[in-house]
Amino acid sequence: MSRYLAACNNNSKKAMTLYRLNLRLSQELFTIISCFEIALRNEIDRLYSVRYGADWLRDSIETEFFFKSKKLAD
């Protein structure tokens, strides 16, 4: 709370209002970021599946550090 109090010149009512607004904003951004993360992960999976096959992630574990292999340089 100290940051909110400092921003509001120690006015606790304004600080609490600012805190609640920040919570609401954080909740909204979390939802947006979560959706973006899922879409990005799905697109990465789609692209790697086309290039390296449906089991690319499992295969990457079995082939000694897939992300350092020469396959990616192709």
PDB file of N, CA and C in Angstrom:
ATOM      1  N   MET A   1       0.807  -1.204   0.000  1.00  0.00           N
ATOM      2  CA  MET A   1       0.000   0.000   0.000  1.00  0.00           C
ATOM      3  C   MET A   1       0.848   1.265   0.000  1.00  0.00           C
ATOM      4  N   SER A   2       2.093   1.165   0.417  1.00  0.00           N
ATOM      5  CA  SER A   2       2.911   2.377   0.560  1.00  0.00           C
ATOM      6  C   SER A   2       3.065   3.131  -0.761  1.00  0.00           C
ATOM      7  N   ARG A   3       3.161   2.399  -1.853  1.00  0.00           N
ATOM      8  CA  ARG A   3       3.291   3.078  -3.155  1.00  0.00           C
ATOM      9  C   ARG A   3       2.025   3.859  -3.506  1.00  0.00           C
ATOM     10  N   TYR A   4       0.876   3.272  -3.172  1.00  0.00           N
ATOM     11  CA  TYR A   4      -0.382   3.943  -3.470  1.00  0.00           C
ATOM     12  C   TYR A   4      -0.561   5.158  -2.569  1.00  0.00           C
ATOM     13  N   LEU A   5      -0.188   5.005  -1.316  1.00  0.00           N
ATOM     14  CA  LEU A   5      -0.260   6.144  -0.393  1.00  0.00           C
ATOM     15  C   LEU A   5       0.666   7.269  -0.845  1.00  0.00           C
ATOM     16  N   ALA A   6       1.857   6.903  -1.266  1.00  0.00           N
ATOM     17  CA  ALA A   6       2.808   7.922  -1.741  1.00  0.00           C
ATOM     18  C   ALA A   6       2.265   8.629  -2.977  1.00  0.00           C
ATOM     19  N   ALA A   7       1.638   7.872  -3.873  1.00  0.00           N
ATOM     20  CA  ALA A   7       1.092   8.462  -5.095  1.00  0.00           C
ATOM     21  C   ALA A   7      -0.096   9.377  -4.807  1.00  0.00           C
ATOM     22  N   CYS A   8      -0.750   9.140  -3.685  1.00  0.00           N
ATOM     23  CA  CYS A   8      -1.947   9.922  -3.337  1.00  0.00           C
ATOM     24  C   CYS A   8      -1.710  10.847  -2.145  1.00  0.00           C
ATOM     25  N   ASN A   9      -0.462  11.190  -1.896  1.00  0.00           N
ATOM     26  CA  ASN A   9      -0.121  12.104  -0.789  1.00  0.00           C
ATOM     27  C   ASN A   9      -0.704  11.653   0.557  1.00  0.00           C
ATOM     28  N   ASN A  10      -0.591  10.348   0.820  1.00  0.00           N
ATOM     29  CA  ASN A  10      -1.061   9.726   2.074  1.00  0.00           C
ATOM     30  C   ASN A  10      -2.565   9.798   2.290  1.00  0.00           C
ATOM     31  N   ASN A  11      -3.320  10.024   1.229  1.00  0.00           N
ATOM     32  CA  ASN A  11      -4.779   9.995   1.335  1.00  0.00           C
ATOM     33  C   ASN A  11      -5.205   8.535   1.180  1.00  0.00           C
ATOM     34  N   SER A  12      -5.592   7.918   2.299  1.00  0.00           N
ATOM     35  CA  SER A  12      -5.877   6.478   2.283  1.00  0.00           C
ATOM     36  C   SER A  12      -7.095   6.126   1.425  1.00  0.00           C
ATOM     37  N   LYS A  13      -8.085   6.993   1.376  1.00  0.00           N
ATOM     38  CA  LYS A  13      -9.272   6.717   0.563  1.00  0.00           C
ATOM     39  C   LYS A  13      -8.898   6.700  -0.924  1.00  0.00           C
ATOM     40  N   LYS A  14      -8.139   7.694  -1.357  1.00  0.00           N
ATOM     41  CA  LYS A  14      -7.690   7.735  -2.754  1.00  0.00           C
ATOM     42  C   LYS A  14      -6.746   6.564  -3.057  1.00  0.00           C
ATOM     43  N   ALA A  15      -5.898   6.241  -2.087  1.00  0.00           N
ATOM     44  CA  ALA A  15      -4.960   5.128  -2.271  1.00  0.00           C
ATOM     45  C   ALA A  15      -5.712   3.813  -2.464  1.00  0.00           C
ATOM     46  N   MET A  16      -6.751   3.579  -1.678  1.00  0.00           N
ATOM     47  CA  MET A  16      -7.548   2.355  -1.816  1.00  0.00           C
ATOM     48  C   MET A  16      -8.280   2.328  -3.159  1.00  0.00           C
ATOM     49  N   THR A  17      -8.771   3.475  -3.593  1.00  0.00           N
ATOM     50  CA  THR A  17      -9.434   3.554  -4.899  1.00  0.00           C
ATOM     51  C   THR A  17      -8.436   3.227  -6.008  1.00  0.00           C
ATOM     52  N   LEU A  18      -7.261   3.796  -5.921  1.00  0.00           N
ATOM     53  CA  LEU A  18      -6.215   3.523  -6.905  1.00  0.00           C
ATOM     54  C   LEU A  18      -5.838   2.041  -6.895  1.00  0.00           C
ATOM     55  N   TYR A  19      -5.734   1.468  -5.706  1.00  0.00           N
ATOM     56  CA  TYR A  19      -5.405   0.049  -5.563  1.00  0.00           C
ATOM     57  C   TYR A  19      -6.465  -0.830  -6.233  1.00  0.00           C
ATOM     58  N   ARG A  20      -7.730  -0.543  -5.979  1.00  0.00           N
ATOM     59  CA  ARG A  20      -8.823  -1.327  -6.582  1.00  0.00           C
ATOM     60  C   ARG A  20      -8.845  -1.171  -8.103  1.00  0.00           C
ATOM     61  N   LEU A  21      -8.598   0.032  -8.592  1.00  0.00           N
ATOM     62  CA  LEU A  21      -8.534   0.236 -10.042  1.00  0.00           C
ATOM     63  C   LEU A  21      -7.382  -0.559 -10.654  1.00  0.00           C
ATOM     64  N   ASN A  22      -6.263  -0.592  -9.955  1.00  0.00           N
ATOM     65  CA  ASN A  22      -5.121  -1.367 -10.430  1.00  0.00           C
ATOM     66  C   ASN A  22      -5.451  -2.860 -10.466  1.00  0.00           C
ATOM     67  N   LEU A  23      -6.160  -3.349  -9.472  1.00  0.00           N
ATOM     68  CA  LEU A  23      -6.573  -4.759  -9.469  1.00  0.00           C
ATOM     69  C   LEU A  23      -7.467  -5.074 -10.667  1.00  0.00           C
ATOM     70  N   ARG A  24      -8.431  -4.196 -10.930  1.00  0.00           N
ATOM     71  CA  ARG A  24      -9.318  -4.415 -12.078  1.00  0.00           C
ATOM     72  C   ARG A  24      -8.549  -4.425 -13.392  1.00  0.00           C
ATOM     73  N   LEU A  25      -7.638  -3.476 -13.541  1.00  0.00           N
ATOM     74  CA  LEU A  25      -6.819  -3.408 -14.749  1.00  0.00           C
ATOM     75  C   LEU A  25      -5.972  -4.669 -14.896  1.00  0.00           C
ATOM     76  N   SER A  26      -5.388  -5.110 -13.805  1.00  0.00           N
ATOM     77  CA  SER A  26      -4.572  -6.325 -13.830  1.00  0.00           C
ATOM     78  C   SER A  26      -5.392  -7.534 -14.252  1.00  0.00           C
ATOM     79  N   GLN A  27      -6.605  -7.646 -13.759  1.00  0.00           N
ATOM     80  CA  GLN A  27      -7.476  -8.761 -14.136  1.00  0.00           C
ATOM     81  C   GLN A  27      -7.793  -8.740 -15.626  1.00  0.00           C
ATOM     82  N   GLU A  28      -8.078  -7.568 -16.145  1.00  0.00           N
ATOM     83  CA  GLU A  28      -8.374  -7.441 -17.571  1.00  0.00           C
ATOM     84  C   GLU A  28      -7.158  -7.803 -18.420  1.00  0.00           C
ATOM     85  N   LEU A  29      -6.003  -7.305 -18.042  1.00  0.00           N
ATOM     86  CA  LEU A  29      -4.790  -7.591 -18.805  1.00  0.00           C
ATOM     87  C   LEU A  29      -4.414  -9.062 -18.719  1.00  0.00           C
ATOM     88  N   PHE A  30      -4.626  -9.679 -17.572  1.00  0.00           N
ATOM     89  CA  PHE A  30      -4.315 -11.093 -17.417  1.00  0.00           C
ATOM     90  C   PHE A  30      -5.107 -11.922 -18.416  1.00  0.00           C
ATOM     91  N   THR A  31      -6.377 -11.624 -18.589  1.00  0.00           N
ATOM     92  CA  THR A  31      -7.223 -12.346 -19.538  1.00  0.00           C
ATOM     93  C   THR A  31      -6.702 -12.178 -20.962  1.00  0.00           C
ATOM     94  N   ILE A  32      -6.373 -10.958 -21.341  1.00  0.00           N
ATOM     95  CA  ILE A  32      -5.868 -10.688 -22.685  1.00  0.00           C
ATOM     96  C   ILE A  32      -4.538 -11.397 -22.919  1.00  0.00           C
ATOM     97  N   ILE A  33      -3.644 -11.286 -21.951  1.00  0.00           N
ATOM     98  CA  ILE A  33      -2.324 -11.928 -22.082  1.00  0.00           C
ATOM     99  C   ILE A  33      -2.464 -13.445 -22.139  1.00  0.00           C
ATOM    100  N   SER A  34      -3.370 -14.009 -21.358  1.00  0.00           N
ATOM    101  CA  SER A  34      -3.589 -15.458 -21.381  1.00  0.00           C
ATOM    102  C   SER A  34      -4.080 -15.926 -22.744  1.00  0.00           C
ATOM    103  N   CYS A  35      -5.004 -15.193 -23.332  1.00  0.00           N
ATOM    104  CA  CYS A  35      -5.512 -15.550 -24.666  1.00  0.00           C
ATOM    105  C   CYS A  35      -4.411 -15.450 -25.706  1.00  0.00           C
ATOM    106  N   PHE A  36      -3.594 -14.400 -25.638  1.00  0.00           N
ATOM    107  CA  PHE A  36      -2.482 -14.234 -26.563  1.00  0.00           C
ATOM    108  C   PHE A  36      -1.481 -15.384 -26.416  1.00  0.00           C
ATOM    109  N   GLU A  37      -1.189 -15.755 -25.184  1.00  0.00           N
ATOM    110  CA  GLU A  37      -0.235 -16.836 -24.927  1.00  0.00           C
ATOM    111  C   GLU A  37      -0.723 -18.156 -25.517  1.00  0.00           C
ATOM    112  N   ILE A  38      -2.003 -18.446 -25.372  1.00  0.00           N
ATOM    113  CA  ILE A  38      -2.569 -19.680 -25.920  1.00  0.00           C
ATOM    114  C   ILE A  38      -2.514 -19.656 -27.443  1.00  0.00           C
ATOM    115  N   ALA A  39      -2.882 -18.527 -28.043  1.00  0.00           N
ATOM    116  CA  ALA A  39      -2.846 -18.421 -29.504  1.00  0.00           C
ATOM    117  C   ALA A  39      -1.416 -18.559 -30.022  1.00  0.00           C
ATOM    118  N   LEU A  40      -0.455 -17.935 -29.352  1.00  0.00           N
ATOM    119  CA  LEU A  40       0.944 -18.031 -29.755  1.00  0.00           C
ATOM    120  C   LEU A  40       1.455 -19.467 -29.625  1.00  0.00           C
ATOM    121  N   ARG A  41       1.142 -20.107 -28.515  1.00  0.00           N
ATOM    122  CA  ARG A  41       1.574 -21.495 -28.301  1.00  0.00           C
ATOM    123  C   ARG A  41       0.974 -22.422 -29.355  1.00  0.00           C
ATOM    124  N   ASN A  42      -0.300 -22.220 -29.675  1.00  0.00           N
ATOM    125  CA  ASN A  42      -0.950 -23.050 -30.694  1.00  0.00           C
ATOM    126  C   ASN A  42      -0.322 -22.840 -32.068  1.00  0.00           C
ATOM    127  N   GLU A  43       0.023 -21.603 -32.393  1.00  0.00           N
ATOM    128  CA  GLU A  43       0.644 -21.326 -33.689  1.00  0.00           C
ATOM    129  C   GLU A  43       2.049 -21.920 -33.766  1.00  0.00           C
ATOM    130  N   ILE A  44       2.804 -21.825 -32.687  1.00  0.00           N
ATOM    131  CA  ILE A  44       4.129 -22.458 -32.654  1.00  0.00           C
ATOM    132  C   ILE A  44       3.990 -23.954 -32.855  1.00  0.00           C
ATOM    133  N   ASP A  45       3.039 -24.565 -32.173  1.00  0.00           N
ATOM    134  CA  ASP A  45       2.821 -26.010 -32.318  1.00  0.00           C
ATOM    135  C   ASP A  45       2.437 -26.360 -33.750  1.00  0.00           C
ATOM    136  N   ARG A  46       1.563 -25.546 -34.346  1.00  0.00           N
ATOM    137  CA  ARG A  46       1.139 -25.823 -35.725  1.00  0.00           C
ATOM    138  C   ARG A  46       2.334 -25.763 -36.674  1.00  0.00           C
ATOM    139  N   LEU A  47       3.124 -24.706 -36.560  1.00  0.00           N
ATOM    140  CA  LEU A  47       4.272 -24.549 -37.448  1.00  0.00           C
ATOM    141  C   LEU A  47       5.307 -25.663 -37.267  1.00  0.00           C
ATOM    142  N   TYR A  48       5.613 -26.001 -36.036  1.00  0.00           N
ATOM    143  CA  TYR A  48       6.585 -27.059 -35.788  1.00  0.00           C
ATOM    144  C   TYR A  48       6.039 -28.425 -36.173  1.00  0.00           C
ATOM    145  N   SER A  49       4.740 -28.623 -36.023  1.00  0.00           N
ATOM    146  CA  SER A  49       4.134 -29.890 -36.429  1.00  0.00           C
ATOM    147  C   SER A  49       4.235 -30.095 -37.935  1.00  0.00           C
ATOM    148  N   VAL A  50       4.026 -29.025 -38.691  1.00  0.00           N
ATOM    149  CA  VAL A  50       4.155 -29.108 -40.152  1.00  0.00           C
ATOM    150  C   VAL A  50       5.597 -29.404 -40.540  1.00  0.00           C
ATOM    151  N   ARG A  51       6.527 -28.742 -39.869  1.00  0.00           N
ATOM    152  CA  ARG A  51       7.934 -28.883 -40.244  1.00  0.00           C
ATOM    153  C   ARG A  51       8.591 -30.155 -39.717  1.00  0.00           C
ATOM    154  N   TYR A  52       8.263 -30.533 -38.473  1.00  0.00           N
ATOM    155  CA  TYR A  52       8.977 -31.638 -37.824  1.00  0.00           C
ATOM    156  C   TYR A  52       8.093 -32.822 -37.446  1.00  0.00           C
ATOM    157  N   GLY A  53       6.800 -32.748 -37.753  1.00  0.00           N
ATOM    158  CA  GLY A  53       5.894 -33.849 -37.440  1.00  0.00           C
ATOM    159  C   GLY A  53       5.110 -33.608 -36.163  1.00  0.00           C
ATOM    160  N   ALA A  54       4.042 -34.359 -36.017  1.00  0.00           N
ATOM    161  CA  ALA A  54       3.105 -34.164 -34.906  1.00  0.00           C
ATOM    162  C   ALA A  54       3.749 -34.373 -33.538  1.00  0.00           C
ATOM    163  N   ASP A  55       4.778 -35.171 -33.469  1.00  0.00           N
ATOM    164  CA  ASP A  55       5.423 -35.466 -32.186  1.00  0.00           C
ATOM    165  C   ASP A  55       6.697 -34.658 -31.975  1.00  0.00           C
ATOM    166  N   TRP A  56       6.774 -33.468 -32.557  1.00  0.00           N
ATOM    167  CA  TRP A  56       7.992 -32.674 -32.501  1.00  0.00           C
ATOM    168  C   TRP A  56       8.453 -32.380 -31.085  1.00  0.00           C
ATOM    169  N   LEU A  57       7.518 -32.133 -30.179  1.00  0.00           N
ATOM    170  CA  LEU A  57       7.925 -31.777 -28.825  1.00  0.00           C
ATOM    171  C   LEU A  57       8.498 -32.994 -28.095  1.00  0.00           C
ATOM    172  N   ARG A  58       7.824 -34.128 -28.201  1.00  0.00           N
ATOM    173  CA  ARG A  58       8.344 -35.351 -27.589  1.00  0.00           C
ATOM    174  C   ARG A  58       9.684 -35.731 -28.211  1.00  0.00           C
ATOM    175  N   ASP A  59       9.763 -35.642 -29.540  1.00  0.00           N
ATOM    176  CA  ASP A  59      11.005 -35.973 -30.233  1.00  0.00           C
ATOM    177  C   ASP A  59      12.150 -35.048 -29.823  1.00  0.00           C
ATOM    178  N   SER A  60      11.832 -33.799 -29.525  1.00  0.00           N
ATOM    179  CA  SER A  60      12.879 -32.856 -29.139  1.00  0.00           C
ATOM    180  C   SER A  60      13.541 -33.258 -27.827  1.00  0.00           C
ATOM    181  N   ILE A  61      12.799 -33.892 -26.967  1.00  0.00           N
ATOM    182  CA  ILE A  61      13.353 -34.361 -25.700  1.00  0.00           C
ATOM    183  C   ILE A  61      14.242 -35.573 -25.924  1.00  0.00           C
ATOM    184  N   GLU A  62      13.846 -36.411 -26.854  1.00  0.00           N
ATOM    185  CA  GLU A  62      14.560 -37.658 -27.106  1.00  0.00           C
ATOM    186  C   GLU A  62      15.800 -37.484 -27.975  1.00  0.00           C
ATOM    187  N   THR A  63      15.947 -36.353 -28.650  1.00  0.00           N
ATOM    188  CA  THR A  63      17.064 -36.177 -29.591  1.00  0.00           C
ATOM    189  C   THR A  63      18.100 -35.173 -29.109  1.00  0.00           C
ATOM    190  N   GLU A  64      18.405 -35.202 -27.850  1.00  0.00           N
ATOM    191  CA  GLU A  64      19.444 -34.351 -27.281  1.00  0.00           C
ATOM    192  C   GLU A  64      19.314 -32.880 -27.654  1.00  0.00           C
ATOM    193  N   PHE A  65      18.504 -32.177 -26.958  1.00  0.00           N
ATOM    194  CA  PHE A  65      18.378 -30.738 -27.109  1.00  0.00           C
ATOM    195  C   PHE A  65      18.025 -30.310 -28.532  1.00  0.00           C
ATOM    196  N   PHE A  66      16.840 -30.635 -28.921  1.00  0.00           N
ATOM    197  CA  PHE A  66      16.292 -30.297 -30.235  1.00  0.00           C
ATOM    198  C   PHE A  66      16.569 -28.846 -30.629  1.00  0.00           C
ATOM    199  N   PHE A  67      16.455 -27.946 -29.712  1.00  0.00           N
ATOM    200  CA  PHE A  67      16.604 -26.534 -30.039  1.00  0.00           C
ATOM    201  C   PHE A  67      18.049 -26.127 -30.324  1.00  0.00           C
ATOM    202  N   LYS A  68      18.987 -27.012 -30.082  1.00  0.00           N
ATOM    203  CA  LYS A  68      20.384 -26.741 -30.431  1.00  0.00           C
ATOM    204  C   LYS A  68      20.816 -27.551 -31.646  1.00  0.00           C
ATOM    205  N   SER A  69      19.910 -28.325 -32.212  1.00  0.00           N
ATOM    206  CA  SER A  69      20.287 -29.213 -33.309  1.00  0.00           C
ATOM    207  C   SER A  69      20.409 -28.471 -34.630  1.00  0.00           C
ATOM    208  N   LYS A  70      21.035 -29.084 -35.587  1.00  0.00           N
ATOM    209  CA  LYS A  70      21.194 -28.505 -36.928  1.00  0.00           C
ATOM    210  C   LYS A  70      19.862 -28.487 -37.670  1.00  0.00           C
ATOM    211  N   LYS A  71      18.882 -29.277 -37.215  1.00  0.00           N
ATOM    212  CA  LYS A  71      17.578 -29.322 -37.870  1.00  0.00           C
ATOM    213  C   LYS A  71      16.953 -27.930 -37.962  1.00  0.00           C
ATOM    214  N   LEU A  72      17.131 -27.121 -36.937  1.00  0.00           N
ATOM    215  CA  LEU A  72      16.533 -25.795 -36.925  1.00  0.00           C
ATOM    216  C   LEU A  72      17.193 -24.857 -37.930  1.00  0.00           C
ATOM    217  N   ALA A  73      18.401 -25.111 -38.279  1.00  0.00           N
ATOM    218  CA  ALA A  73      19.113 -24.249 -39.217  1.00  0.00           C
ATOM    219  C   ALA A  73      18.606 -24.439 -40.643  1.00  0.00           C
ATOM    220  N   ASP A  74      17.894 -25.515 -40.908  1.00  0.00           N
ATOM    221  CA  ASP A  74      17.368 -25.801 -42.252  1.00  0.00           C
ATOM    222  C   ASP A  74      16.389 -24.744 -42.716  1.00  0.00           C
TER     223      ASP A  74
END
